[in-house]
C-alpha atoms as a PDB file:
ATOM      1  CA  MET A   1       1.149 160.064  10.610  1.00  0.00           C
ATOM      2  CA  SER A   2      -2.051 158.081  11.198  1.00  0.00           C
ATOM      3  CA  ALA A   3      -2.740 156.089  14.348  1.00  0.00           C
ATOM      4  CA  ALA A   4      -2.400 152.875  12.339  1.00  0.00           C
ATOM      5  CA  THR A   5       1.174 153.669  11.259  1.00  0.00           C
ATOM      6  CA  ARG A   6       2.374 155.521  14.379  1.00  0.00           C
ATOM      7  CA  PRO A   7       5.138 153.561  16.192  1.00  0.00           C
ATOM      8  CA  ALA A   8       4.060 151.994  19.450  1.00  0.00           C
ATOM      9  CA  SER A   9       5.179 153.801  22.568  1.00  0.00           C
ATOM     10  CA  PRO A  10       7.463 152.090  25.108  1.00  0.00           C
ATOM     11  CA  GLY A  11       4.509 151.797  27.472  1.00  0.00           C
ATOM     12  CA  ALA A  12       2.397 150.038  24.837  1.00  0.00           C
ATOM     13  CA  LYS A  13       5.257 147.670  24.014  1.00  0.00           C
ATOM     14  CA  ALA A  14       5.634 146.859  27.703  1.00  0.00           C
ATOM     15  CA  LEU A  15       1.918 146.092  28.026  1.00  0.00           C
ATOM     16  CA  VAL A  16       2.058 143.816  24.983  1.00  0.00           C
ATOM     17  CA  ALA A  17       5.091 142.020  26.411  1.00  0.00           C
ATOM     18  CA  ILE A  18       3.378 141.550  29.790  1.00  0.00           C
ATOM     19  CA  ALA A  19       0.235 140.220  28.103  1.00  0.00           C
ATOM     20  CA  ALA A  20       2.304 137.805  25.998  1.00  0.00           C
ATOM     21  CA  ILE A  21       4.252 136.540  29.022  1.00  0.00           C
ATOM     22  CA  LEU A  22       1.094 136.045  31.088  1.00  0.00           C
ATOM     23  CA  THR A  23      -0.589 134.219  28.195  1.00  0.00           C
ATOM     24  CA  ILE A  24       2.374 131.864  27.902  1.00  0.00           C
ATOM     25  CA  LEU A  25       2.578 131.211  31.643  1.00  0.00           C
ATOM     26  CA  VAL A  26      -1.139 130.964  32.386  1.00  0.00           C
ATOM     27  CA  VAL A  27      -2.534 129.413  29.192  1.00  0.00           C
ATOM     28  CA  ALA A  28       0.046 127.999  26.793  1.00  0.00           C
ATOM     29  CA  ALA A  29       2.389 126.362  29.332  1.00  0.00           C
ATOM     30  CA  PRO A  30      -0.330 124.373  31.166  1.00  0.00           C
ATOM     31  CA  LEU A  31      -1.793 123.184  27.866  1.00  0.00           C
ATOM     32  CA  ALA A  32       1.623 122.105  26.617  1.00  0.00           C
ATOM     33  CA  TYR A  33       2.310 120.354  29.936  1.00  0.00           C
ATOM     34  CA  ILE A  34      -0.935 118.358  29.693  1.00  0.00           C
ATOM     35  CA  PHE A  35       0.018 116.923  26.300  1.00  0.00           C
ATOM     36  CA  ALA A  36       3.650 116.431  27.296  1.00  0.00           C
ATOM     37  CA  ARG A  37       2.621 114.328  30.298  1.00  0.00           C
ATOM     38  CA  ALA A  38      -0.092 112.511  28.330  1.00  0.00           C
ATOM     39  CA  PHE A  39       2.382 111.424  25.620  1.00  0.00           C
ATOM     40  CA  GLY A  40       5.400 111.252  27.935  1.00  0.00           C
ATOM     41  CA  GLN A  41       5.574 107.441  27.841  1.00  0.00           C
ATOM     42  CA  GLY A  42       4.818 107.098  24.168  1.00  0.00           C
ATOM     43  CA  TRP A  43       1.847 106.788  21.887  1.00  0.00           C
ATOM     44  CA  GLN A  44       1.079 103.199  22.849  1.00  0.00           C
ATOM     45  CA  VAL A  45       0.742 104.007  26.540  1.00  0.00           C
ATOM     46  CA  TYR A  46      -1.419 107.010  25.672  1.00  0.00           C
ATOM     47  CA  ALA A  47      -3.663 104.905  23.446  1.00  0.00           C
ATOM     48  CA  SER A  48      -3.978 102.169  26.074  1.00  0.00           C
ATOM     49  CA  ASN A  49      -5.111 104.750  28.639  1.00  0.00           C
ATOM     50  CA  ILE A  50      -7.646 106.311  26.282  1.00  0.00           C
ATOM     51  CA  LEU A  51      -8.977 102.883  25.240  1.00  0.00           C
ATOM     52  CA  ASP A  52      -9.364 101.748  28.837  1.00  0.00           C
ATOM     53  CA  PRO A  53     -13.022 100.682  29.308  1.00  0.00           C
ATOM     54  CA  MET A  54     -13.529 103.114  32.206  1.00  0.00           C
ATOM     55  CA  THR A  55     -12.163 106.036  30.193  1.00  0.00           C
ATOM     56  CA  LEU A  56     -14.221 105.097  27.151  1.00  0.00           C
ATOM     57  CA  HIS A  57     -17.333 104.936  29.330  1.00  0.00           C
ATOM     58  CA  ALA A  58     -16.566 108.373  30.772  1.00  0.00           C
ATOM     59  CA  ILE A  59     -16.151 109.780  27.250  1.00  0.00           C
ATOM     60  CA  TRP A  60     -19.386 108.094  26.159  1.00  0.00           C
ATOM     61  CA  LEU A  61     -21.348 109.392  29.166  1.00  0.00           C
ATOM     62  CA  THR A  62     -19.998 112.909  28.705  1.00  0.00           C
ATOM     63  CA  SER A  63     -20.989 112.830  25.031  1.00  0.00           C
ATOM     64  CA  ILE A  64     -24.494 111.574  25.837  1.00  0.00           C
ATOM     65  CA  VAL A  65     -25.013 114.333  28.400  1.00  0.00           C
ATOM     66  CA  ALA A  66     -23.869 116.993  25.913  1.00  0.00           C
ATOM     67  CA  LEU A  67     -26.079 115.568  23.152  1.00  0.00           C
ATOM     68  CA  ILE A  68     -29.098 115.795  25.461  1.00  0.00           C
ATOM     69  CA  VAL A  69     -28.350 119.100  27.153  1.00  0.00           C
ATOM     70  CA  VAL A  70     -27.281 121.264  24.206  1.00  0.00           C
ATOM     71  CA  PRO A  71     -30.438 120.818  22.049  1.00  0.00           C
ATOM     72  CA  LEU A  72     -32.661 121.367  25.087  1.00  0.00           C
ATOM     73  CA  ASN A  73     -30.815 124.541  26.029  1.00  0.00           C
ATOM     74  CA  VAL A  74     -30.892 125.745  22.423  1.00  0.00           C
ATOM     75  CA  ALA A  75     -34.679 125.350  22.443  1.00  0.00           C
ATOM     76  CA  PHE A  76     -34.929 127.030  25.856  1.00  0.00           C
ATOM     77  CA  GLY A  77     -32.634 129.872  24.816  1.00  0.00           C
ATOM     78  CA  ILE A  78     -34.616 130.607  21.664  1.00  0.00           C
ATOM     79  CA  ALA A  79     -37.957 130.449  23.480  1.00  0.00           C
ATOM     80  CA  ALA A  80     -36.791 132.629  26.376  1.00  0.00           C
ATOM     81  CA  ALA A  81     -35.131 135.198  24.099  1.00  0.00           C
ATOM     82  CA  TRP A  82     -38.196 135.294  21.832  1.00  0.00           C
ATOM     83  CA  ALA A  83     -40.519 135.859  24.791  1.00  0.00           C
ATOM     84  CA  VAL A  84     -38.399 138.650  26.273  1.00  0.00           C
ATOM     85  CA  ALA A  85     -37.454 140.416  23.028  1.00  0.00           C
ATOM     86  CA  LYS A  86     -40.724 140.187  21.107  1.00  0.00           C
ATOM     87  CA  HIS A  87     -43.388 140.453  23.818  1.00  0.00           C
ATOM     88  CA  ARG A  88     -44.306 142.575  26.815  1.00  0.00           C
ATOM     89  CA  PHE A  89     -45.853 140.680  29.732  1.00  0.00           C
ATOM     90  CA  PRO A  90     -45.946 140.782  33.552  1.00  0.00           C
ATOM     91  CA  GLY A  91     -42.863 139.180  35.055  1.00  0.00           C
ATOM     92  CA  ARG A  92     -40.676 139.862  32.028  1.00  0.00           C
ATOM     93  CA  GLY A  93     -37.908 141.297  34.221  1.00  0.00           C
ATOM     94  CA  ILE A  94     -38.155 138.291  36.542  1.00  0.00           C
ATOM     95  CA  LEU A  95     -37.646 135.947  33.583  1.00  0.00           C
ATOM     96  CA  VAL A  96     -34.493 137.828  32.551  1.00  0.00           C
ATOM     97  CA  THR A  97     -33.200 137.572  36.122  1.00  0.00           C
ATOM     98  CA  MET A  98     -33.980 133.860  36.278  1.00  0.00           C
ATOM     99  CA  ILE A  99     -32.002 133.278  33.087  1.00  0.00           C
ATOM    100  CA  GLU A 100     -28.968 134.887  34.745  1.00  0.00           C
ATOM    101  CA  ILE A 101     -29.220 132.945  38.025  1.00  0.00           C
ATOM    102  CA  PRO A 102     -26.990 129.987  36.986  1.00  0.00           C
ATOM    103  CA  PHE A 103     -24.129 132.447  36.460  1.00  0.00           C
ATOM    104  CA  SER A 104     -24.530 133.677  40.046  1.00  0.00           C
ATOM    105  CA  ILE A 105     -24.889 130.349  41.863  1.00  0.00           C
ATOM    106  CA  SER A 106     -22.018 127.929  42.387  1.00  0.00           C
ATOM    107  CA  PRO A 107     -22.579 124.663  40.485  1.00  0.00           C
ATOM    108  CA  ILE A 108     -21.960 122.799  43.740  1.00  0.00           C
ATOM    109  CA  ILE A 109     -24.843 124.672  45.387  1.00  0.00           C
ATOM    110  CA  ALA A 110     -27.030 123.783  42.418  1.00  0.00           C
ATOM    111  CA  GLY A 111     -26.060 120.134  42.819  1.00  0.00           C
ATOM    112  CA  ILE A 112     -26.939 120.200  46.511  1.00  0.00           C
ATOM    113  CA  CYS A 113     -30.325 121.773  45.727  1.00  0.00           C
ATOM    114  CA  TYR A 114     -31.096 118.998  43.262  1.00  0.00           C
ATOM    115  CA  LEU A 115     -29.953 116.421  45.805  1.00  0.00           C
ATOM    116  CA  LEU A 116     -32.266 117.870  48.453  1.00  0.00           C
ATOM    117  CA  LEU A 117     -35.117 117.870  45.976  1.00  0.00           C
ATOM    118  CA  TYR A 118     -34.708 114.569  44.113  1.00  0.00           C
ATOM    119  CA  GLY A 119     -32.503 112.565  46.493  1.00  0.00           C
ATOM    120  CA  ARG A 120     -33.704 109.571  48.494  1.00  0.00           C
ATOM    121  CA  GLN A 121     -34.241 111.751  51.561  1.00  0.00           C
ATOM    122  CA  GLY A 122     -35.272 114.776  49.504  1.00  0.00           C
ATOM    123  CA  LEU A 123     -38.623 116.416  49.017  1.00  0.00           C
ATOM    124  CA  LEU A 124     -39.608 114.231  46.069  1.00  0.00           C
ATOM    125  CA  GLY A 125     -37.477 111.255  47.084  1.00  0.00           C
ATOM    126  CA  PRO A 126     -40.252 109.068  48.572  1.00  0.00           C
ATOM    127  CA  TRP A 127     -42.499 109.601  45.533  1.00  0.00           C
ATOM    128  CA  LEU A 128     -39.653 108.772  43.137  1.00  0.00           C
ATOM    129  CA  GLN A 129     -38.825 105.615  45.085  1.00  0.00           C
ATOM    130  CA  ALA A 130     -42.463 104.555  45.155  1.00  0.00           C
ATOM    131  CA  ASN A 131     -42.576 104.845  41.370  1.00  0.00           C
ATOM    132  CA  GLU A 132     -39.137 103.231  40.927  1.00  0.00           C
ATOM    133  CA  LEU A 133     -37.657 106.365  39.367  1.00  0.00           C
ATOM    134  CA  GLN A 134     -34.018 107.199  40.033  1.00  0.00           C
ATOM    135  CA  VAL A 135     -32.839 110.731  39.367  1.00  0.00           C
ATOM    136  CA  MET A 136     -29.850 111.174  41.644  1.00  0.00           C
ATOM    137  CA  PHE A 137     -26.712 109.091  41.073  1.00  0.00           C
ATOM    138  CA  ALA A 138     -27.944 108.364  37.542  1.00  0.00           C
ATOM    139  CA  LEU A 139     -28.051 109.957  34.106  1.00  0.00           C
ATOM    140  CA  PRO A 140     -31.173 112.103  34.759  1.00  0.00           C
ATOM    141  CA  GLY A 141     -29.512 113.903  37.673  1.00  0.00           C
ATOM    142  CA  ILE A 142     -26.367 114.590  35.644  1.00  0.00           C
ATOM    143  CA  VAL A 143     -28.471 115.951  32.777  1.00  0.00           C
ATOM    144  CA  LEU A 144     -30.561 118.153  35.088  1.00  0.00           C
ATOM    145  CA  VAL A 145     -27.644 119.823  36.837  1.00  0.00           C
ATOM    146  CA  THR A 146     -25.743 120.268  33.572  1.00  0.00           C
ATOM    147  CA  MET A 147     -28.814 121.873  32.013  1.00  0.00           C
ATOM    148  CA  PHE A 148     -29.017 124.274  34.941  1.00  0.00           C
ATOM    149  CA  VAL A 149     -25.372 125.268  34.716  1.00  0.00           C
ATOM    150  CA  THR A 150     -25.434 125.783  30.934  1.00  0.00           C
ATOM    151  CA  ALA A 151     -28.931 127.261  30.593  1.00  0.00           C
ATOM    152  CA  PRO A 152     -27.937 130.941  30.102  1.00  0.00           C
ATOM    153  CA  PHE A 153     -25.385 130.530  27.308  1.00  0.00           C
ATOM    154  CA  VAL A 154     -27.702 130.389  24.277  1.00  0.00           C
ATOM    155  CA  ALA A 155     -30.230 132.871  25.662  1.00  0.00           C
ATOM    156  CA  ARG A 156     -27.534 135.434  26.493  1.00  0.00           C
ATOM    157  CA  GLU A 157     -26.160 135.311  22.952  1.00  0.00           C
ATOM    158  CA  VAL A 158     -29.505 135.402  21.149  1.00  0.00           C
ATOM    159  CA  LEU A 159     -31.432 137.886  23.321  1.00  0.00           C
ATOM    160  CA  PRO A 160     -29.407 141.077  22.624  1.00  0.00           C
ATOM    161  CA  LEU A 161     -29.553 140.401  18.887  1.00  0.00           C
ATOM    162  CA  MET A 162     -33.315 139.872  18.933  1.00  0.00           C
ATOM    163  CA  GLN A 163     -33.782 143.049  20.971  1.00  0.00           C
ATOM    164  CA  ALA A 164     -31.622 145.059  18.578  1.00  0.00           C
ATOM    165  CA  GLN A 165     -33.522 143.814  15.521  1.00  0.00           C
ATOM    166  CA  GLY A 166     -36.944 144.721  16.876  1.00  0.00           C
ATOM    167  CA  THR A 167     -40.196 143.270  15.572  1.00  0.00           C
ATOM    168  CA  GLU A 168     -40.736 145.157  12.304  1.00  0.00           C
ATOM    169  CA  GLN A 169     -39.667 142.319  10.013  1.00  0.00           C
ATOM    170  CA  GLU A 170     -41.798 139.746  11.834  1.00  0.00           C
ATOM    171  CA  GLN A 171     -44.814 142.071  11.768  1.00  0.00           C
ATOM    172  CA  ALA A 172     -44.366 142.638   8.060  1.00  0.00           C
ATOM    173  CA  ALA A 173     -44.224 138.876   7.443  1.00  0.00           C
ATOM    174  CA  VAL A 174     -47.416 138.349   9.463  1.00  0.00           C
ATOM    175  CA  THR A 175     -49.112 141.110   7.459  1.00  0.00           C
ATOM    176  CA  LEU A 176     -48.205 139.235   4.277  1.00  0.00           C
ATOM    177  CA  GLY A 177     -49.901 136.105   5.605  1.00  0.00           C
ATOM    178  CA  ALA A 178     -47.000 134.121   7.026  1.00  0.00           C
ATOM    179  CA  SER A 179     -47.718 131.685   9.855  1.00  0.00           C
ATOM    180  CA  GLY A 180     -45.839 131.770  13.151  1.00  0.00           C
ATOM    181  CA  TRP A 181     -43.555 128.911  12.110  1.00  0.00           C
ATOM    182  CA  GLN A 182     -42.856 130.552   8.742  1.00  0.00           C
ATOM    183  CA  VAL A 183     -41.996 133.828  10.449  1.00  0.00           C
ATOM    184  CA  PHE A 184     -39.563 132.091  12.737  1.00  0.00           C
ATOM    185  CA  ARG A 185     -37.968 129.902  10.058  1.00  0.00           C
ATOM    186  CA  ARG A 186     -37.658 132.497   7.293  1.00  0.00           C
ATOM    187  CA  VAL A 187     -37.235 135.764   9.194  1.00  0.00           C
ATOM    188  CA  THR A 188     -36.101 135.295  12.789  1.00  0.00           C
ATOM    189  CA  LEU A 189     -33.817 132.271  12.476  1.00  0.00           C
ATOM    190  CA  PRO A 190     -31.650 133.622   9.609  1.00  0.00           C
ATOM    191  CA  ASN A 191     -31.062 136.799  11.613  1.00  0.00           C
ATOM    192  CA  ILE A 192     -29.901 134.981  14.750  1.00  0.00           C
ATOM    193  CA  LYS A 193     -28.236 131.877  13.295  1.00  0.00           C
ATOM    194  CA  TRP A 194     -24.629 132.923  14.020  1.00  0.00           C
ATOM    195  CA  ALA A 195     -25.422 134.014  17.566  1.00  0.00           C
ATOM    196  CA  LEU A 196     -27.342 130.767  18.019  1.00  0.00           C
ATOM    197  CA  LEU A 197     -24.404 128.656  16.829  1.00  0.00           C
ATOM    198  CA  TYR A 198     -22.030 130.696  18.984  1.00  0.00           C
ATOM    199  CA  GLY A 199     -24.165 130.090  22.072  1.00  0.00           C
ATOM    200  CA  ALA A 200     -24.464 126.392  21.248  1.00  0.00           C
ATOM    201  CA  VAL A 201     -20.666 126.073  21.032  1.00  0.00           C
ATOM    202  CA  LEU A 202     -20.224 127.763  24.415  1.00  0.00           C
ATOM    203  CA  CYS A 203     -22.976 125.573  25.882  1.00  0.00           C
ATOM    204  CA  THR A 204     -21.289 122.427  24.556  1.00  0.00           C
ATOM    205  CA  ALA A 205     -17.877 123.365  25.950  1.00  0.00           C
ATOM    206  CA  ARG A 206     -19.382 124.132  29.356  1.00  0.00           C
ATOM    207  CA  ALA A 207     -21.474 120.955  29.419  1.00  0.00           C
ATOM    208  CA  VAL A 208     -18.484 118.753  28.589  1.00  0.00           C
ATOM    209  CA  GLY A 209     -16.279 120.350  31.221  1.00  0.00           C
ATOM    210  CA  GLU A 210     -18.783 120.624  34.090  1.00  0.00           C
ATOM    211  CA  PHE A 211     -17.389 119.178  37.325  1.00  0.00           C
ATOM    212  CA  GLY A 212     -18.796 120.741  40.512  1.00  0.00           C
ATOM    213  CA  GLY A 213     -22.519 120.143  40.137  1.00  0.00           C
ATOM    214  CA  VAL A 214     -22.081 116.747  38.487  1.00  0.00           C
ATOM    215  CA  SER A 215     -19.787 115.580  41.284  1.00  0.00           C
ATOM    216  CA  VAL A 216     -22.631 116.115  43.774  1.00  0.00           C
ATOM    217  CA  VAL A 217     -25.512 114.470  41.895  1.00  0.00           C
ATOM    218  CA  SER A 218     -23.679 111.644  40.133  1.00  0.00           C
ATOM    219  CA  GLY A 219     -22.205 109.810  43.107  1.00  0.00           C
ATOM    220  CA  ASN A 220     -19.063 109.466  40.965  1.00  0.00           C
ATOM    221  CA  ILE A 221     -19.648 105.732  40.500  1.00  0.00           C
ATOM    222  CA  ARG A 222     -16.768 104.324  38.503  1.00  0.00           C
ATOM    223  CA  GLY A 223     -17.876 102.971  35.162  1.00  0.00           C
ATOM    224  CA  GLN A 224     -21.474 104.130  35.690  1.00  0.00           C
ATOM    225  CA  THR A 225     -21.908 107.816  36.511  1.00  0.00           C
ATOM    226  CA  ASN A 226     -18.456 109.373  36.299  1.00  0.00           C
ATOM    227  CA  THR A 227     -18.147 111.810  33.419  1.00  0.00           C
ATOM    228  CA  LEU A 228     -14.780 112.634  31.879  1.00  0.00           C
ATOM    229  CA  PRO A 229     -13.883 115.494  34.287  1.00  0.00           C
ATOM    230  CA  LEU A 230     -14.761 113.259  37.245  1.00  0.00           C
ATOM    231  CA  HIS A 231     -12.770 110.405  35.709  1.00  0.00           C
ATOM    232  CA  VAL A 232      -9.683 112.613  35.563  1.00  0.00           C
ATOM    233  CA  GLU A 233      -9.982 113.171  39.314  1.00  0.00           C
ATOM    234  CA  LEU A 234     -10.446 109.433  39.949  1.00  0.00           C
ATOM    235  CA  LEU A 235      -7.311 108.629  37.963  1.00  0.00           C
ATOM    236  CA  PHE A 236      -5.301 111.187  39.924  1.00  0.00           C
ATOM    237  CA  ASN A 237      -6.591 109.726  43.170  1.00  0.00           C
ATOM    238  CA  ASP A 238      -5.480 106.291  41.905  1.00  0.00           C
ATOM    239  CA  LEU A 239      -1.989 107.770  41.325  1.00  0.00           C
ATOM    240  CA  ASN A 240      -2.364 107.068  37.598  1.00  0.00           C
ATOM    241  CA  ALA A 241      -0.986 110.413  36.472  1.00  0.00           C
ATOM    242  CA  VAL A 242      -0.402 109.340  32.868  1.00  0.00           C
ATOM    243  CA  GLY A 243      -3.984 108.106  32.534  1.00  0.00           C
ATOM    244  CA  ALA A 244      -5.295 111.272  34.152  1.00  0.00           C
ATOM    245  CA  PHE A 245      -3.341 113.478  31.741  1.00  0.00           C
ATOM    246  CA  ALA A 246      -4.468 111.321  28.810  1.00  0.00           C
ATOM    247  CA  ALA A 247      -8.109 111.820  29.799  1.00  0.00           C
ATOM    248  CA  ALA A 248      -7.434 115.505  30.422  1.00  0.00           C
ATOM    249  CA  SER A 249      -5.976 115.812  26.926  1.00  0.00           C
ATOM    250  CA  VAL A 250      -9.340 114.741  25.481  1.00  0.00           C
ATOM    251  CA  LEU A 251     -11.065 117.513  27.415  1.00  0.00           C
ATOM    252  CA  THR A 252      -8.377 119.938  26.263  1.00  0.00           C
ATOM    253  CA  LEU A 253      -8.852 118.955  22.629  1.00  0.00           C
ATOM    254  CA  ILE A 254     -12.601 119.507  22.947  1.00  0.00           C
ATOM    255  CA  ALA A 255     -11.952 122.930  24.471  1.00  0.00           C
ATOM    256  CA  LEU A 256      -9.507 123.839  21.701  1.00  0.00           C
ATOM    257  CA  VAL A 257     -11.958 122.760  19.011  1.00  0.00           C
ATOM    258  CA  ALA A 258     -14.677 124.834  20.694  1.00  0.00           C
ATOM    259  CA  LEU A 259     -12.276 127.802  20.803  1.00  0.00           C
ATOM    260  CA  VAL A 260     -11.508 127.504  17.093  1.00  0.00           C
ATOM    261  CA  VAL A 261     -15.193 127.236  16.197  1.00  0.00           C
ATOM    262  CA  LYS A 262     -15.949 130.181  18.499  1.00  0.00           C
ATOM    263  CA  SER A 263     -13.301 132.303  16.762  1.00  0.00           C
ATOM    264  CA  LEU A 264     -14.637 131.381  13.321  1.00  0.00           C
ATOM    265  CA  LEU A 265     -18.182 132.275  14.355  1.00  0.00           C
ATOM    266  CA  GLU A 266     -17.012 135.588  15.842  1.00  0.00           C
ATOM    267  CA  ALA A 267     -15.288 136.413  12.563  1.00  0.00           C
ATOM    268  CA  ARG A 268     -18.425 135.472  10.656  1.00  0.00           C
ATOM    269  CA  ARG A 269     -20.620 137.631  12.877  1.00  0.00           C
ATOM    270  CA  ALA A 270     -18.261 140.601  12.416  1.00  0.00           C
ATOM    271  CA  GLN A 271     -18.612 140.491   8.614  1.00  0.00           C
END
């Protein structure tokens, strides 16, 4: 009898049961509770909470931040992965370490660092004030800290694939007279496109859900600098639980969509 048709042992069945129970308790139940509370008073109440001007502004601001951050991090991830995988240069190991730093530092610490650098009393604060430039407690600060937090996602997905593929195909294309842009567009990009999309999806999900760093640099100004995760906290503090769960359901839907896209891309990459 092959391993594929051999009956599962009692121990294996127990492990599967434990995994299923934990998944239900830790993942499925909280997700179901969010939507149950969000729609608990009916569709009209849910819609009125979502269409509240403050909630709409939070959704808009979160979308703007993601639309700015994701393309920039895609470009950074490709450039960093290309440099590390295709070239040998002094400081190459340092660059790899720097790419990993955002995974090691708390987003709150990153927010504080930006505040000490760009804040009114920070290192660059007087110069920014003299030139009437506002970074902290405005969109630029939110974008900067979100970029920092999400910077590794694309690079980490693309780099191993580039390293595994080597440089033979690119060298052959150059030998045949292809320019640098043609090599990238016709050789490199087709080979990394699924990893690139996968990293972009992860980057988007992380950018939309970022809370810690944004809470430090945004000032959490209602209707101006509060993103959707921060708006959920504000609604809870206002004792508007239904509104908070309605806003949280939007974040949950975004996460679920990202999960579905991630699964589809993983299946595509495995083919």
